[in-house]
Amino acid sequence: MSDPVIVSSGHSFERAAVEACKNLNFTPQLPDGTTPDFSTLIPNLALKSAILKWCQTTQTPPPHPPNNNLVQTLIPSTPNLIPSDKDSIFNQNPHHHAETEIPIRPTHLYSSSEESIATTSASTPPLQLSTRRSCCCSSSPSSSELEPATTPEEEEITTSLKNPNFDVVEETLLSLRKLTRVREETRLQLCTPRVLSALRSHVLSKHANVQVNALASLVNLSLEKTNKVKIVRSGMVPPLIEVLKNGSSEAQEHGAGALFSLSLDDANKTAIGVLGGLAPLLHMLRSDNELTRHDSALALYHLSLVQSNRSKMVKLGSVPVLLKMAKAGHMTGRVLLILGNLGSGSDGRAAMLDAGVVECLVGLLSRAELTRSTRESCVAVMYALSHGGLRFKAVAKAAGVVEVLQKFEKVGSERGRHKVRKILEVMRAKEVEEEDVDWEELLDSGLGCRTRGRLGGGLDESGANSAEF
């Protein structure tokens, strides 16, 4: 590939091939039976860099862009191409969600990925729309809708979800929500391209009942490990991101739960980050809904296990946001887990040292009421930062890290004590070039200026969501 891109479904293709397919209104059917979504193209810089590096290592000429005319002549001769859906939900302007008249579900102490049924009271009037009550957003069949149903139950649900009668759609979604909550075999059978395509249009519905039940059904389907990649490849991530940006509180709760569930699969982590899921999830950490904050933090933890996502989060200005939450005592344990991941990269360590994470950790470890698990997490973050060289040692000496860690070494777990010993070894190490180091001058030096400038630029470029952090 000379110019690889990631499409909305998470697949990577040559840009020229994707553009040729779009020009000819064709969508290829992949060997696994799924069809890619070409609505969004994002440069796959990691893959392009890997290809060029391999070419340099093997002394192979780098690939040249294919001829567009040649690519277009090859497409019609391929037997498994299916006409694409011009009226896909992703080619339309996303709906902004109206104020819901449904009472917000109360906060519970369980994750929305283990959602329970909360039916709407009969006395609650449906949301009034200014347009005709219709839930079908597309008039032409997509490639996934042309595939035959595998079971009568799938056929019945798919047909009902496309029914022009609004009441039938609402009843079907509520039934799907109940079925997928309690029956594992149903979750496996109904996670098909046809059902996901029909469900996707209702995720962005203007009607609150329809949207919430569609999202809850999606969360239930995502509970099965084999379904997670299917859901991302169906193009469901962009609608979920739109829900986090503009949805009601209850819709955002289920949207965050769905992204958390999907982020558990390693194959989805990079795709969610590339498709823009990090900034909305960071914004959801400030949500008034406890479950939304909980699932957003867990999603960010799993997504930050990937280096590319860690770099994006640093550029989005996540470190100051997380640090402020830790100081305020908001989800301190989960925040520290995310910071521990960010600290494993050089850019993350630099941003954390500049933001004052070491001083914050010392303050947390000095609190008598801190739980043991939180103390262990503080030490884990400190251990990640200890790989920051002289910069870390200068900050740590000024913050009094040695005294605090010596106290922890007496009461911590074996794993925690091991990390403390490693940190103390770094602090006590005497090298020739360190003997004449002026620590105050080092602290006041401009070592962090480049990082601060980069972080500032990231905030300016990241749009409205990160600016609100």
Protein backbone atom coordinates (compact mmCIF):
# COMPACT_ATOMS: atom_id res chain seq x y z
CA MET A 1 0.00 0.00 0.00
CA SER A 2 1.27 3.46 -0.86
CA ASP A 3 -1.46 5.40 0.95
CA PRO A 4 -3.29 3.13 3.46
CA VAL A 5 -6.44 4.47 5.13
CA ILE A 6 -8.72 3.23 7.90
CA VAL A 7 -12.42 3.27 7.07
CA SER A 8 -15.33 3.64 9.49
CA SER A 9 -15.68 -0.13 9.96
CA GLY A 10 -12.06 -0.40 11.17
CA HIS A 11 -10.58 -2.04 8.05
CA SER A 12 -7.49 -0.73 6.26
CA PHE A 13 -7.38 -0.33 2.47
CA GLU A 14 -5.46 1.50 -0.23
CA ARG A 15 -6.97 4.97 -0.65
CA ALA A 16 -7.21 4.69 -4.43
CA ALA A 17 -9.15 1.41 -4.16
CA VAL A 18 -11.64 2.88 -1.69
CA GLU A 19 -12.20 5.99 -3.81
CA ALA A 20 -12.71 3.83 -6.89
CA CYS A 21 -15.33 1.74 -5.08
CA LYS A 22 -17.12 4.89 -3.93
CA ASN A 23 -17.07 6.36 -7.43
CA LEU A 24 -18.62 3.18 -8.84
CA ASN A 25 -21.08 2.80 -5.93
CA PHE A 26 -19.77 -0.64 -5.01
CA THR A 27 -18.94 -2.21 -1.67
CA PRO A 28 -16.74 -5.34 -1.60
CA GLN A 29 -17.75 -8.35 0.43
CA LEU A 30 -14.81 -9.53 2.55
CA PRO A 31 -13.81 -13.19 3.01
CA ASP A 32 -15.40 -13.28 6.48
CA GLY A 33 -18.76 -12.24 5.03
CA THR A 34 -18.71 -8.66 6.35
CA THR A 35 -18.81 -5.49 4.27
CA PRO A 36 -16.68 -2.39 4.98
CA ASP A 37 -18.10 1.08 5.50
CA PHE A 38 -16.43 3.68 3.28
CA SER A 39 -18.19 6.74 4.72
CA THR A 40 -15.04 8.02 6.50
CA LEU A 41 -11.38 7.75 5.45
CA ILE A 42 -8.60 8.34 7.97
CA PRO A 43 -4.88 8.06 7.03
CA ASN A 44 -3.30 4.98 8.62
CA LEU A 45 0.02 6.60 9.46
CA ALA A 46 1.19 3.68 11.61
CA LEU A 47 0.77 1.17 8.78
CA LYS A 48 2.34 3.53 6.23
CA SER A 49 5.34 4.08 8.52
CA ALA A 50 5.71 0.32 9.05
CA ILE A 51 5.63 -0.30 5.29
CA LEU A 52 8.26 2.35 4.57
CA LYS A 53 10.44 1.07 7.41
CA TRP A 54 10.23 -2.47 6.04
CA CYS A 55 11.14 -1.20 2.57
CA GLN A 56 14.21 0.56 3.98
CA THR A 57 15.26 -2.49 5.98
CA THR A 58 14.91 -4.89 3.04
CA GLN A 59 16.17 -2.32 0.50
CA THR A 60 12.91 -2.68 -1.41
CA PRO A 61 11.55 0.26 -3.47
CA PRO A 62 8.56 1.84 -1.72
CA PRO A 63 5.16 1.15 -3.29
CA HIS A 64 3.83 3.63 -5.83
CA PRO A 65 0.20 4.84 -5.96
CA PRO A 66 -1.88 2.64 -8.28
CA ASN A 67 -3.36 4.06 -11.45
CA ASN A 68 -6.95 5.14 -10.72
CA ASN A 69 -8.21 4.14 -14.16
CA LEU A 70 -6.67 0.69 -13.82
CA VAL A 71 -8.24 0.22 -10.37
CA GLN A 72 -11.70 1.18 -11.66
CA THR A 73 -11.43 -1.28 -14.55
CA LEU A 74 -10.69 -4.10 -12.12
CA ILE A 75 -13.64 -3.46 -9.80
CA PRO A 76 -16.60 -4.44 -12.04
CA SER A 77 -14.93 -7.73 -12.93
CA THR A 78 -14.92 -8.83 -9.31
CA PRO A 79 -17.92 -11.16 -8.74
CA ASN A 80 -18.59 -10.46 -5.07
CA LEU A 81 -19.17 -6.71 -5.28
CA ILE A 82 -22.50 -5.36 -4.09
CA PRO A 83 -24.01 -1.92 -4.79
CA SER A 84 -23.37 0.36 -1.83
CA ASP A 85 -25.99 2.33 0.01
CA LYS A 86 -25.89 5.97 -1.06
CA ASP A 87 -28.43 6.87 1.59
CA SER A 88 -26.45 5.41 4.46
CA ILE A 89 -26.94 6.99 7.84
CA PHE A 90 -23.33 8.20 7.69
CA ASN A 91 -24.00 10.26 4.54
CA GLN A 92 -26.71 12.21 6.29
CA ASN A 93 -26.40 15.06 8.73
CA PRO A 94 -26.45 13.61 12.26
CA HIS A 95 -29.59 14.43 14.23
CA HIS A 96 -29.25 16.56 17.32
CA HIS A 97 -31.17 14.91 20.12
CA ALA A 98 -34.21 16.72 21.42
CA GLU A 99 -35.01 17.08 25.09
CA THR A 100 -36.34 13.78 26.35
CA GLU A 101 -39.58 13.55 28.27
CA ILE A 102 -38.61 10.17 29.69
CA PRO A 103 -37.43 10.31 33.31
CA ILE A 104 -33.72 9.61 33.61
CA ARG A 105 -32.94 6.19 34.97
CA PRO A 106 -31.52 6.44 38.49
CA THR A 107 -27.87 5.75 39.05
CA HIS A 108 -26.97 2.30 40.32
CA LEU A 109 -23.77 0.66 41.42
CA TYR A 110 -23.36 -1.59 38.40
CA SER A 111 -21.98 -0.98 34.93
CA SER A 112 -24.29 -0.20 32.08
CA SER A 113 -22.59 -3.05 30.20
CA GLU A 114 -24.60 -5.27 32.54
CA GLU A 115 -27.72 -3.26 31.89
CA SER A 116 -31.12 -4.09 33.28
CA ILE A 117 -34.50 -3.48 31.77
CA ALA A 118 -36.08 -0.17 32.69
CA THR A 119 -39.37 0.16 30.84
CA THR A 120 -41.03 3.48 30.39
CA SER A 121 -44.08 4.21 32.45
CA ALA A 122 -47.35 4.03 30.57
CA SER A 123 -48.17 7.53 31.70
CA THR A 124 -45.07 8.96 30.03
CA PRO A 125 -46.04 10.63 26.75
CA PRO A 126 -43.83 9.93 23.73
CA LEU A 127 -41.59 12.67 22.46
CA GLN A 128 -43.45 14.81 19.94
CA LEU A 129 -41.67 15.30 16.63
CA SER A 130 -42.25 18.03 14.10
CA THR A 131 -41.93 15.55 11.26
CA ARG A 132 -43.72 12.33 10.39
CA ARG A 133 -43.11 9.58 12.93
CA SER A 134 -40.80 7.31 11.04
CA CYS A 135 -37.72 5.45 12.21
CA CYS A 136 -36.38 4.36 8.85
CA CYS A 137 -33.58 6.66 7.75
CA SER A 138 -32.66 4.95 4.49
CA SER A 139 -34.79 4.16 1.49
CA SER A 140 -32.38 1.99 -0.47
CA PRO A 141 -31.08 -1.37 0.76
CA SER A 142 -27.47 -1.60 1.92
CA SER A 143 -25.16 -4.50 1.11
CA SER A 144 -25.73 -6.08 4.53
CA GLU A 145 -29.50 -5.84 4.09
CA LEU A 146 -29.27 -7.84 0.86
CA GLU A 147 -27.77 -10.83 2.69
CA PRO A 148 -30.27 -13.60 3.47
CA ALA A 149 -31.40 -14.08 7.05
CA THR A 150 -29.90 -17.07 8.84
CA THR A 151 -32.84 -17.68 11.22
CA PRO A 152 -36.57 -16.85 11.19
CA GLU A 153 -36.06 -14.84 14.38
CA GLU A 154 -33.47 -12.65 12.66
CA GLU A 155 -35.77 -12.13 9.68
CA GLU A 156 -38.67 -11.16 11.91
CA ILE A 157 -36.63 -8.66 13.95
CA THR A 158 -34.98 -7.09 10.90
CA THR A 159 -38.31 -6.70 9.11
CA SER A 160 -39.93 -5.18 12.20
CA LEU A 161 -37.09 -2.70 12.73
CA LYS A 162 -37.65 -1.41 9.18
CA ASN A 163 -41.41 -1.23 9.58
CA PRO A 164 -42.83 2.26 8.85
CA ASN A 165 -45.19 1.84 11.79
CA PHE A 166 -43.43 3.56 14.70
CA ASP A 167 -45.20 1.51 17.39
CA VAL A 168 -43.99 -1.74 15.80
CA VAL A 169 -40.38 -0.49 15.83
CA GLU A 170 -40.58 0.62 19.45
CA GLU A 171 -42.08 -2.70 20.57
CA THR A 172 -39.46 -4.67 18.60
CA LEU A 173 -36.57 -2.78 20.18
CA LEU A 174 -37.93 -3.34 23.68
CA SER A 175 -38.33 -7.04 22.93
CA LEU A 176 -34.80 -7.22 21.48
CA ARG A 177 -33.46 -5.54 24.59
CA LYS A 178 -35.09 -8.11 26.84
CA LEU A 179 -34.06 -11.11 24.73
CA THR A 180 -30.41 -10.11 24.45
CA ARG A 181 -30.18 -9.36 28.16
CA VAL A 182 -30.95 -12.86 29.42
CA ARG A 183 -30.14 -15.24 26.54
CA GLU A 184 -26.54 -15.78 25.50
CA GLU A 185 -27.47 -17.84 22.44
CA THR A 186 -29.75 -15.05 21.27
CA ARG A 187 -26.91 -12.53 21.49
CA LEU A 188 -24.79 -14.77 19.27
CA GLN A 189 -27.55 -15.50 16.75
CA LEU A 190 -28.79 -11.92 16.36
CA CYS A 191 -25.44 -10.15 15.99
CA THR A 192 -25.58 -10.28 12.20
CA PRO A 193 -24.86 -7.60 9.56
CA ARG A 194 -28.58 -7.25 8.80
CA VAL A 195 -29.63 -6.74 12.42
CA LEU A 196 -26.72 -4.39 13.15
CA SER A 197 -27.50 -2.34 10.03
CA ALA A 198 -31.13 -1.97 11.08
CA LEU A 199 -30.14 -1.22 14.66
CA ARG A 200 -27.59 1.39 13.63
CA SER A 201 -30.16 3.74 12.15
CA HIS A 202 -32.11 3.76 15.43
CA VAL A 203 -29.03 4.59 17.51
CA LEU A 204 -29.33 8.13 16.15
CA SER A 205 -33.12 8.29 16.38
CA LYS A 206 -34.72 11.56 17.48
CA HIS A 207 -37.15 9.69 19.69
CA ALA A 208 -35.72 9.06 23.16
CA ASN A 209 -37.40 5.67 23.74
CA VAL A 210 -36.19 4.28 20.43
CA GLN A 211 -32.65 5.54 20.86
CA VAL A 212 -32.24 4.28 24.44
CA ASN A 213 -33.63 0.81 23.68
CA ALA A 214 -31.47 0.53 20.55
CA LEU A 215 -28.36 1.47 22.54
CA ALA A 216 -29.25 -0.91 25.38
CA SER A 217 -29.71 -3.74 22.87
CA LEU A 218 -26.33 -2.92 21.36
CA VAL A 219 -24.68 -3.03 24.80
CA ASN A 220 -26.22 -6.47 25.39
CA LEU A 221 -25.02 -7.78 22.02
CA SER A 222 -21.50 -6.53 22.77
CA LEU A 223 -21.28 -8.66 25.92
CA GLU A 224 -20.28 -11.68 23.81
CA LYS A 225 -16.61 -11.69 22.94
CA THR A 226 -17.15 -12.89 19.36
CA ASN A 227 -19.59 -10.02 18.72
CA LYS A 228 -17.28 -7.14 19.63
CA VAL A 229 -15.31 -7.01 16.38
CA LYS A 230 -18.46 -7.57 14.31
CA ILE A 231 -20.09 -4.52 15.89
CA VAL A 232 -17.09 -2.25 15.19
CA ARG A 233 -16.83 -3.50 11.61
CA SER A 234 -20.52 -2.77 11.08
CA GLY A 235 -19.72 0.94 11.39
CA MET A 236 -21.29 1.40 14.81
CA VAL A 237 -18.50 3.48 16.39
CA PRO A 238 -19.26 6.82 14.65
CA PRO A 239 -22.94 6.77 15.77
CA LEU A 240 -21.85 5.95 19.32
CA ILE A 241 -19.47 8.92 19.28
CA GLU A 242 -22.31 11.14 18.07
CA VAL A 243 -24.44 9.93 20.99
CA LEU A 244 -21.71 10.90 23.46
CA LYS A 245 -21.54 14.36 21.92
CA ASN A 246 -25.21 15.19 21.58
CA GLY A 247 -27.30 12.49 23.25
CA SER A 248 -29.45 12.65 26.36
CA SER A 249 -28.01 11.62 29.71
CA GLU A 250 -29.44 8.10 29.52
CA ALA A 251 -28.34 7.68 25.90
CA GLN A 252 -24.81 8.78 26.82
CA GLU A 253 -24.80 6.25 29.65
CA HIS A 254 -25.48 3.38 27.26
CA GLY A 255 -23.16 4.82 24.61
CA ALA A 256 -20.26 4.92 27.09
CA GLY A 257 -21.12 1.39 28.21
CA ALA A 258 -21.05 0.15 24.62
CA LEU A 259 -17.65 1.73 23.90
CA PHE A 260 -16.28 0.29 27.15
CA SER A 261 -17.48 -3.18 26.17
CA LEU A 262 -16.08 -2.87 22.64
CA SER A 263 -12.72 -1.59 23.94
CA LEU A 264 -12.13 -4.86 25.78
CA ASP A 265 -11.19 -6.53 22.48
CA ASP A 266 -7.62 -5.75 21.41
CA ALA A 267 -8.66 -5.72 17.75
CA ASN A 268 -10.96 -2.73 18.40
CA LYS A 269 -8.69 -0.47 20.45
CA THR A 270 -6.86 1.24 17.59
CA ALA A 271 -10.01 1.59 15.47
CA ILE A 272 -11.94 3.34 18.26
CA GLY A 273 -9.06 5.76 18.77
CA VAL A 274 -8.66 6.48 15.05
CA LEU A 275 -12.39 7.06 14.60
CA GLY A 276 -12.35 9.80 17.25
CA GLY A 277 -13.62 8.05 20.36
CA LEU A 278 -11.03 9.39 22.82
CA ALA A 279 -12.07 13.04 23.05
CA PRO A 280 -15.78 12.36 23.75
CA LEU A 281 -14.87 9.74 26.36
CA LEU A 282 -12.57 12.23 28.09
CA HIS A 283 -15.41 14.73 28.08
CA MET A 284 -17.76 12.15 29.61
CA LEU A 285 -15.50 12.00 32.69
CA ARG A 286 -17.20 15.26 33.64
CA SER A 287 -20.71 13.86 33.21
CA ASP A 288 -23.29 14.18 35.98
CA ASN A 289 -24.18 10.49 35.47
CA GLU A 290 -22.08 8.19 37.66
CA LEU A 291 -22.38 5.19 35.33
CA THR A 292 -21.33 7.29 32.35
CA ARG A 293 -18.20 8.47 34.21
CA HIS A 294 -17.48 4.91 35.37
CA ASP A 295 -17.70 3.28 31.94
CA SER A 296 -15.89 6.16 30.21
CA ALA A 297 -12.95 5.82 32.60
CA LEU A 298 -12.81 2.05 32.08
CA ALA A 299 -12.98 2.50 28.30
CA LEU A 300 -10.12 5.01 28.41
CA TYR A 301 -8.05 2.65 30.55
CA HIS A 302 -8.36 -0.19 28.03
CA LEU A 303 -7.89 2.10 25.03
CA SER A 304 -4.76 3.63 26.58
CA LEU A 305 -3.11 0.21 26.53
CA VAL A 306 -2.29 1.00 22.87
CA GLN A 307 0.59 3.39 22.20
CA SER A 308 -1.15 5.31 19.42
CA ASN A 309 -4.09 6.05 21.72
CA ARG A 310 -1.78 7.13 24.53
CA SER A 311 -0.14 9.68 22.26
CA LYS A 312 -3.53 10.99 21.13
CA MET A 313 -4.71 11.35 24.73
CA VAL A 314 -1.60 13.32 25.67
CA LYS A 315 -2.12 15.68 22.72
CA LEU A 316 -5.77 16.10 23.72
CA GLY A 317 -4.64 17.48 27.07
CA SER A 318 -5.84 14.53 29.13
CA VAL A 319 -3.10 14.74 31.77
CA PRO A 320 -4.22 18.04 33.39
CA VAL A 321 -7.84 16.80 33.34
CA LEU A 322 -6.96 13.51 35.03
CA LEU A 323 -4.66 15.23 37.52
CA LYS A 324 -7.42 17.63 38.55
CA MET A 325 -9.78 14.70 39.12
CA ALA A 326 -7.21 12.86 41.22
CA LYS A 327 -6.63 15.91 43.41
CA ALA A 328 -10.38 16.35 43.90
CA GLY A 329 -10.85 12.69 44.81
CA HIS A 330 -13.10 11.93 41.79
CA MET A 331 -12.62 8.30 40.68
CA THR A 332 -9.04 8.44 41.95
CA GLY A 333 -8.41 4.72 41.51
CA ARG A 334 -9.49 4.63 37.88
CA VAL A 335 -7.73 7.90 37.08
CA LEU A 336 -4.47 6.50 38.45
CA LEU A 337 -4.83 3.41 36.26
CA ILE A 338 -5.09 5.61 33.17
CA LEU A 339 -2.14 7.76 34.27
CA GLY A 340 -0.11 4.58 34.78
CA ASN A 341 -0.69 3.68 31.13
CA LEU A 342 0.13 7.18 29.91
CA GLY A 343 3.35 7.14 31.93
CA SER A 344 4.68 4.19 29.95
CA GLY A 345 5.48 6.49 27.02
CA SER A 346 8.06 9.24 26.86
CA ASP A 347 5.55 11.90 25.76
CA GLY A 348 3.19 10.90 28.54
CA ARG A 349 5.93 11.02 31.18
CA ALA A 350 7.04 14.47 30.02
CA ALA A 351 3.48 15.79 30.16
CA MET A 352 2.92 14.28 33.60
CA LEU A 353 6.15 15.69 35.03
CA ASP A 354 5.30 19.13 33.65
CA ALA A 355 1.77 18.98 35.07
CA GLY A 356 2.93 18.17 38.61
CA VAL A 357 1.83 14.54 38.87
CA VAL A 358 4.74 13.66 41.18
CA GLU A 359 3.71 16.29 43.72
CA CYS A 360 0.11 15.08 43.49
CA LEU A 361 1.17 11.47 44.13
CA VAL A 362 3.20 12.49 47.17
CA GLY A 363 0.19 14.34 48.52
CA LEU A 364 -2.08 11.33 47.98
CA LEU A 365 0.35 8.92 49.63
CA SER A 366 0.51 11.23 52.66
CA ARG A 367 -3.24 10.88 53.28
CA ALA A 368 -4.04 8.48 56.07
CA GLU A 369 -7.53 7.66 54.72
CA LEU A 370 -6.23 6.45 51.34
CA THR A 371 -7.15 2.83 50.56
CA ARG A 372 -4.46 0.23 50.05
CA SER A 373 -5.33 -0.31 46.38
CA THR A 374 -5.11 3.42 45.69
CA ARG A 375 -1.71 3.57 47.38
CA GLU A 376 -0.54 0.70 45.19
CA SER A 377 -1.77 2.59 42.11
CA CYS A 378 0.11 5.72 43.21
CA VAL A 379 3.31 3.71 43.48
CA ALA A 380 2.67 2.14 40.06
CA VAL A 381 2.36 5.59 38.45
CA MET A 382 5.49 6.76 40.27
CA TYR A 383 7.33 3.70 39.01
CA ALA A 384 6.33 4.54 35.41
CA LEU A 385 7.55 8.11 35.88
CA SER A 386 10.87 6.92 37.36
CA HIS A 387 11.98 6.06 33.82
CA GLY A 388 12.08 9.80 33.10
CA GLY A 389 15.78 10.17 33.93
CA LEU A 390 17.22 13.32 35.44
CA ARG A 391 13.99 15.23 35.02
CA PHE A 392 12.15 12.80 37.29
CA LYS A 393 14.94 12.76 39.87
CA ALA A 394 14.95 16.54 40.08
CA VAL A 395 11.18 16.73 40.57
CA ALA A 396 11.13 13.77 42.96
CA LYS A 397 13.87 15.19 45.18
CA ALA A 398 12.06 18.50 45.44
CA ALA A 399 8.75 16.77 46.27
CA GLY A 400 10.20 14.52 49.00
CA VAL A 401 9.45 11.21 47.26
CA VAL A 402 12.10 9.22 49.13
CA GLU A 403 10.61 9.84 52.58
CA VAL A 404 7.09 8.95 51.48
CA LEU A 405 8.17 5.77 49.69
CA GLN A 406 10.24 4.59 52.64
CA LYS A 407 7.10 4.66 54.77
CA PHE A 408 5.12 2.77 52.11
CA GLU A 409 7.86 0.13 51.84
CA LYS A 410 7.06 -1.02 55.36
CA VAL A 411 3.33 -1.64 54.80
CA GLY A 412 2.85 -2.20 51.06
CA SER A 413 2.33 -5.47 49.21
CA GLU A 414 5.27 -7.46 47.87
CA ARG A 415 4.64 -6.16 44.38
CA GLY A 416 4.38 -2.60 45.65
CA ARG A 417 7.54 -2.91 47.74
CA HIS A 418 9.40 -4.23 44.70
CA LYS A 419 8.45 -1.12 42.72
CA VAL A 420 9.43 1.12 45.64
CA ARG A 421 12.87 -0.48 45.78
CA LYS A 422 13.31 0.09 42.04
CA ILE A 423 12.32 3.75 42.39
CA LEU A 424 14.66 4.25 45.33
CA GLU A 425 17.48 2.66 43.38
CA VAL A 426 16.92 5.22 40.65
CA MET A 427 16.90 8.02 43.21
CA ARG A 428 20.10 6.83 44.90
CA ALA A 429 22.01 6.09 41.72
CA LYS A 430 25.13 8.28 41.47
CA GLU A 431 26.55 8.86 38.05
CA VAL A 432 29.58 10.95 37.15
CA GLU A 433 27.54 13.53 35.27
CA GLU A 434 25.15 13.93 38.23
CA GLU A 435 27.72 15.02 40.79
CA ASP A 436 27.67 18.67 39.81
CA VAL A 437 23.99 18.91 38.84
CA ASP A 438 22.23 22.02 40.07
CA TRP A 439 18.76 20.60 40.79
CA GLU A 440 17.12 24.02 41.18
CA GLU A 441 18.49 25.09 37.84
CA LEU A 442 17.28 21.84 36.29
CA LEU A 443 13.79 22.35 37.69
CA ASP A 444 13.69 25.89 36.33
CA SER A 445 15.13 24.89 32.98
CA GLY A 446 13.14 24.70 29.80
CA LEU A 447 13.19 20.91 29.53
CA GLY A 448 9.42 20.86 29.54
CA CYS A 449 8.87 23.81 27.21
CA ARG A 450 8.73 21.72 24.08
CA THR A 451 6.22 19.40 25.68
CA ARG A 452 4.11 22.27 26.98
CA GLY A 453 4.04 23.84 23.56
CA ARG A 454 2.98 20.56 22.03
CA LEU A 455 0.25 20.10 24.59
CA GLY A 456 -1.01 23.60 24.06
CA GLY A 457 -1.17 23.04 20.33
CA GLY A 458 -3.06 19.80 20.88
CA LEU A 459 -5.70 21.59 22.90
CA ASP A 460 -6.16 24.24 20.23
CA GLU A 461 -6.47 21.64 17.48
CA SER A 462 -8.70 19.17 19.26
CA GLY A 463 -11.93 21.09 18.87
CA ALA A 464 -14.73 22.02 21.21
CA ASN A 465 -14.78 18.86 23.25
CA SER A 466 -11.20 19.04 24.52
CA ALA A 467 -11.50 22.78 25.05
CA GLU A 468 -14.28 22.11 27.54
CA PHE A 469 -12.07 19.78 29.59
